[in-house]
Amino acid sequence: MAFTAKDVQALREMTGVGMMDCKKALTEADGNMDKAVEILREKGLAASQKKAGRIAAEGMAYAAVIDGVGVVVEVNAETDFVGKNEKFVDFVKGVAAVVA
């Protein structure tokens, strides 16, 4: 069964997966949208299993006293580039504020 670029776009909007992955899934599913979604789910599970073994050894710990409540938060990342990023630091401080 043939499919169009609109079908690929619709699958992408439904799943949030990249265009090429959607196209491959639709090709494998012979244009069947439901089967393509299932194929993408299976591939997503396989991808998440590959990432499960990775070690997040970088990051930061943040301690604060907010309104008389002491909080210690540790957030890990896979790379030192992330761990030293200003947005990451702000995120960790924000987590501490929410926890307190």
C-alpha atoms as a PDB file:
ATOM      1  CA  MET A   1       0.000   0.000   0.000  1.00  0.00           C
ATOM      2  CA  ALA A   2       1.352   3.415  -0.932  1.00  0.00           C
ATOM      3  CA  PHE A   3       1.503   6.333   1.458  1.00  0.00           C
ATOM      4  CA  THR A   4       1.990  10.054   1.017  1.00  0.00           C
ATOM      5  CA  ALA A   5       4.097  12.725   2.659  1.00  0.00           C
ATOM      6  CA  LYS A   6       0.950  13.766   4.553  1.00  0.00           C
ATOM      7  CA  ASP A   7       0.789  10.263   6.042  1.00  0.00           C
ATOM      8  CA  VAL A   8       4.402  10.576   7.188  1.00  0.00           C
ATOM      9  CA  GLN A   9       3.654  13.996   8.672  1.00  0.00           C
ATOM     10  CA  ALA A  10       0.537  12.671  10.443  1.00  0.00           C
ATOM     11  CA  LEU A  11       2.522   9.791  11.956  1.00  0.00           C
ATOM     12  CA  ARG A  12       5.219  12.230  13.051  1.00  0.00           C
ATOM     13  CA  GLU A  13       2.639  14.461  14.757  1.00  0.00           C
ATOM     14  CA  MET A  14       1.080  11.449  16.497  1.00  0.00           C
ATOM     15  CA  THR A  15       4.350  10.016  17.773  1.00  0.00           C
ATOM     16  CA  GLY A  16       6.875  12.855  17.903  1.00  0.00           C
ATOM     17  CA  VAL A  17       9.381  10.660  16.047  1.00  0.00           C
ATOM     18  CA  GLY A  18      11.629  11.982  13.254  1.00  0.00           C
ATOM     19  CA  MET A  19      10.470  12.063   9.631  1.00  0.00           C
ATOM     20  CA  MET A  20      12.853   9.379   8.370  1.00  0.00           C
ATOM     21  CA  ASP A  21      11.925   6.979  11.165  1.00  0.00           C
ATOM     22  CA  CYS A  22       8.238   7.555  10.392  1.00  0.00           C
ATOM     23  CA  LYS A  23       8.847   6.930   6.696  1.00  0.00           C
ATOM     24  CA  LYS A  24      10.740   3.705   7.438  1.00  0.00           C
ATOM     25  CA  ALA A  25       7.999   2.518   9.794  1.00  0.00           C
ATOM     26  CA  LEU A  26       5.279   3.239   7.219  1.00  0.00           C
ATOM     27  CA  THR A  27       7.298   1.435   4.554  1.00  0.00           C
ATOM     28  CA  GLU A  28       7.737  -1.566   6.839  1.00  0.00           C
ATOM     29  CA  ALA A  29       4.018  -1.483   7.720  1.00  0.00           C
ATOM     30  CA  ASP A  30       2.953  -1.195   4.058  1.00  0.00           C
ATOM     31  CA  GLY A  31       1.274   2.139   4.771  1.00  0.00           C
ATOM     32  CA  ASN A  32      -0.776   0.870   7.733  1.00  0.00           C
ATOM     33  CA  MET A  33      -0.742   3.695  10.285  1.00  0.00           C
ATOM     34  CA  ASP A  34      -1.600   1.524  13.326  1.00  0.00           C
ATOM     35  CA  LYS A  35       1.059  -1.035  12.465  1.00  0.00           C
ATOM     36  CA  ALA A  36       3.596   1.770  11.910  1.00  0.00           C
ATOM     37  CA  VAL A  37       2.855   3.166  15.383  1.00  0.00           C
ATOM     38  CA  GLU A  38       3.426  -0.296  16.864  1.00  0.00           C
ATOM     39  CA  ILE A  39       6.721  -0.643  14.974  1.00  0.00           C
ATOM     40  CA  LEU A  40       7.882   2.731  16.314  1.00  0.00           C
ATOM     41  CA  ARG A  41       6.928   1.696  19.859  1.00  0.00           C
ATOM     42  CA  GLU A  42       8.974  -1.485  19.565  1.00  0.00           C
ATOM     43  CA  LYS A  43      11.955   0.457  18.230  1.00  0.00           C
ATOM     44  CA  GLY A  44      11.554   3.003  21.017  1.00  0.00           C
ATOM     45  CA  LEU A  45      11.710   0.266  23.622  1.00  0.00           C
ATOM     46  CA  ALA A  46      14.837  -1.119  22.004  1.00  0.00           C
ATOM     47  CA  ALA A  47      16.428   2.334  21.976  1.00  0.00           C
ATOM     48  CA  SER A  48      15.576   2.945  25.628  1.00  0.00           C
ATOM     49  CA  GLN A  49      17.086  -0.413  26.605  1.00  0.00           C
ATOM     50  CA  LYS A  50      20.340   0.591  24.887  1.00  0.00           C
ATOM     51  CA  LYS A  51      20.412   3.833  26.868  1.00  0.00           C
ATOM     52  CA  ALA A  52      19.566   2.167  30.185  1.00  0.00           C
ATOM     53  CA  GLY A  53      23.140   0.975  30.691  1.00  0.00           C
ATOM     54  CA  ARG A  54      24.730   4.381  30.248  1.00  0.00           C
ATOM     55  CA  ILE A  55      26.244   5.957  33.341  1.00  0.00           C
ATOM     56  CA  ALA A  56      25.382   9.503  34.340  1.00  0.00           C
ATOM     57  CA  ALA A  57      28.527  10.295  36.330  1.00  0.00           C
ATOM     58  CA  GLU A  58      28.567  14.078  35.846  1.00  0.00           C
ATOM     59  CA  GLY A  59      26.209  16.698  37.217  1.00  0.00           C
ATOM     60  CA  MET A  60      25.995  18.584  40.465  1.00  0.00           C
ATOM     61  CA  ALA A  61      24.820  18.527  44.045  1.00  0.00           C
ATOM     62  CA  TYR A  62      23.155  21.606  45.507  1.00  0.00           C
ATOM     63  CA  ALA A  63      22.426  22.337  49.153  1.00  0.00           C
ATOM     64  CA  ALA A  64      20.235  25.184  50.330  1.00  0.00           C
ATOM     65  CA  VAL A  65      18.145  26.369  53.243  1.00  0.00           C
ATOM     66  CA  ILE A  66      14.864  27.773  51.985  1.00  0.00           C
ATOM     67  CA  ASP A  67      12.315  29.124  54.487  1.00  0.00           C
ATOM     68  CA  GLY A  68      14.026  27.241  57.304  1.00  0.00           C
ATOM     69  CA  VAL A  69      14.031  23.921  55.431  1.00  0.00           C
ATOM     70  CA  GLY A  70      17.333  22.297  54.497  1.00  0.00           C
ATOM     71  CA  VAL A  71      17.469  20.658  51.089  1.00  0.00           C
ATOM     72  CA  VAL A  72      20.180  18.670  49.327  1.00  0.00           C
ATOM     73  CA  VAL A  73      19.576  17.818  45.670  1.00  0.00           C
ATOM     74  CA  GLU A  74      21.796  15.800  43.336  1.00  0.00           C
ATOM     75  CA  VAL A  75      21.062  15.692  39.619  1.00  0.00           C
ATOM     76  CA  ASN A  76      23.288  13.643  37.323  1.00  0.00           C
ATOM     77  CA  ALA A  77      24.065  14.023  33.633  1.00  0.00           C
ATOM     78  CA  GLU A  78      26.041  11.988  31.124  1.00  0.00           C
ATOM     79  CA  THR A  79      28.507  14.719  30.154  1.00  0.00           C
ATOM     80  CA  ASP A  80      30.415  17.458  31.942  1.00  0.00           C
ATOM     81  CA  PHE A  81      29.196  19.914  29.301  1.00  0.00           C
ATOM     82  CA  VAL A  82      25.663  19.474  30.602  1.00  0.00           C
ATOM     83  CA  GLY A  83      26.731  19.457  34.239  1.00  0.00           C
ATOM     84  CA  LYS A  84      28.422  22.848  33.886  1.00  0.00           C
ATOM     85  CA  ASN A  85      25.757  24.435  31.696  1.00  0.00           C
ATOM     86  CA  GLU A  86      24.102  27.514  33.213  1.00  0.00           C
ATOM     87  CA  LYS A  87      20.608  26.240  32.363  1.00  0.00           C
ATOM     88  CA  PHE A  88      21.365  22.931  34.085  1.00  0.00           C
ATOM     89  CA  VAL A  89      22.583  24.742  37.201  1.00  0.00           C
ATOM     90  CA  ASP A  90      19.418  26.874  37.222  1.00  0.00           C
ATOM     91  CA  PHE A  91      17.342  23.709  36.813  1.00  0.00           C
ATOM     92  CA  VAL A  92      18.995  22.049  39.823  1.00  0.00           C
ATOM     93  CA  LYS A  93      18.435  25.165  41.927  1.00  0.00           C
ATOM     94  CA  GLY A  94      14.801  25.206  40.790  1.00  0.00           C
ATOM     95  CA  VAL A  95      14.368  21.571  41.816  1.00  0.00           C
ATOM     96  CA  ALA A  96      15.729  22.416  45.258  1.00  0.00           C
ATOM     97  CA  ALA A  97      13.262  25.290  45.572  1.00  0.00           C
ATOM     98  CA  VAL A  98      10.341  23.039  44.615  1.00  0.00           C
ATOM     99  CA  VAL A  99      11.391  20.290  47.019  1.00  0.00           C
ATOM    100  CA  ALA A 100      11.659  22.779  49.881  1.00  0.00           C
END
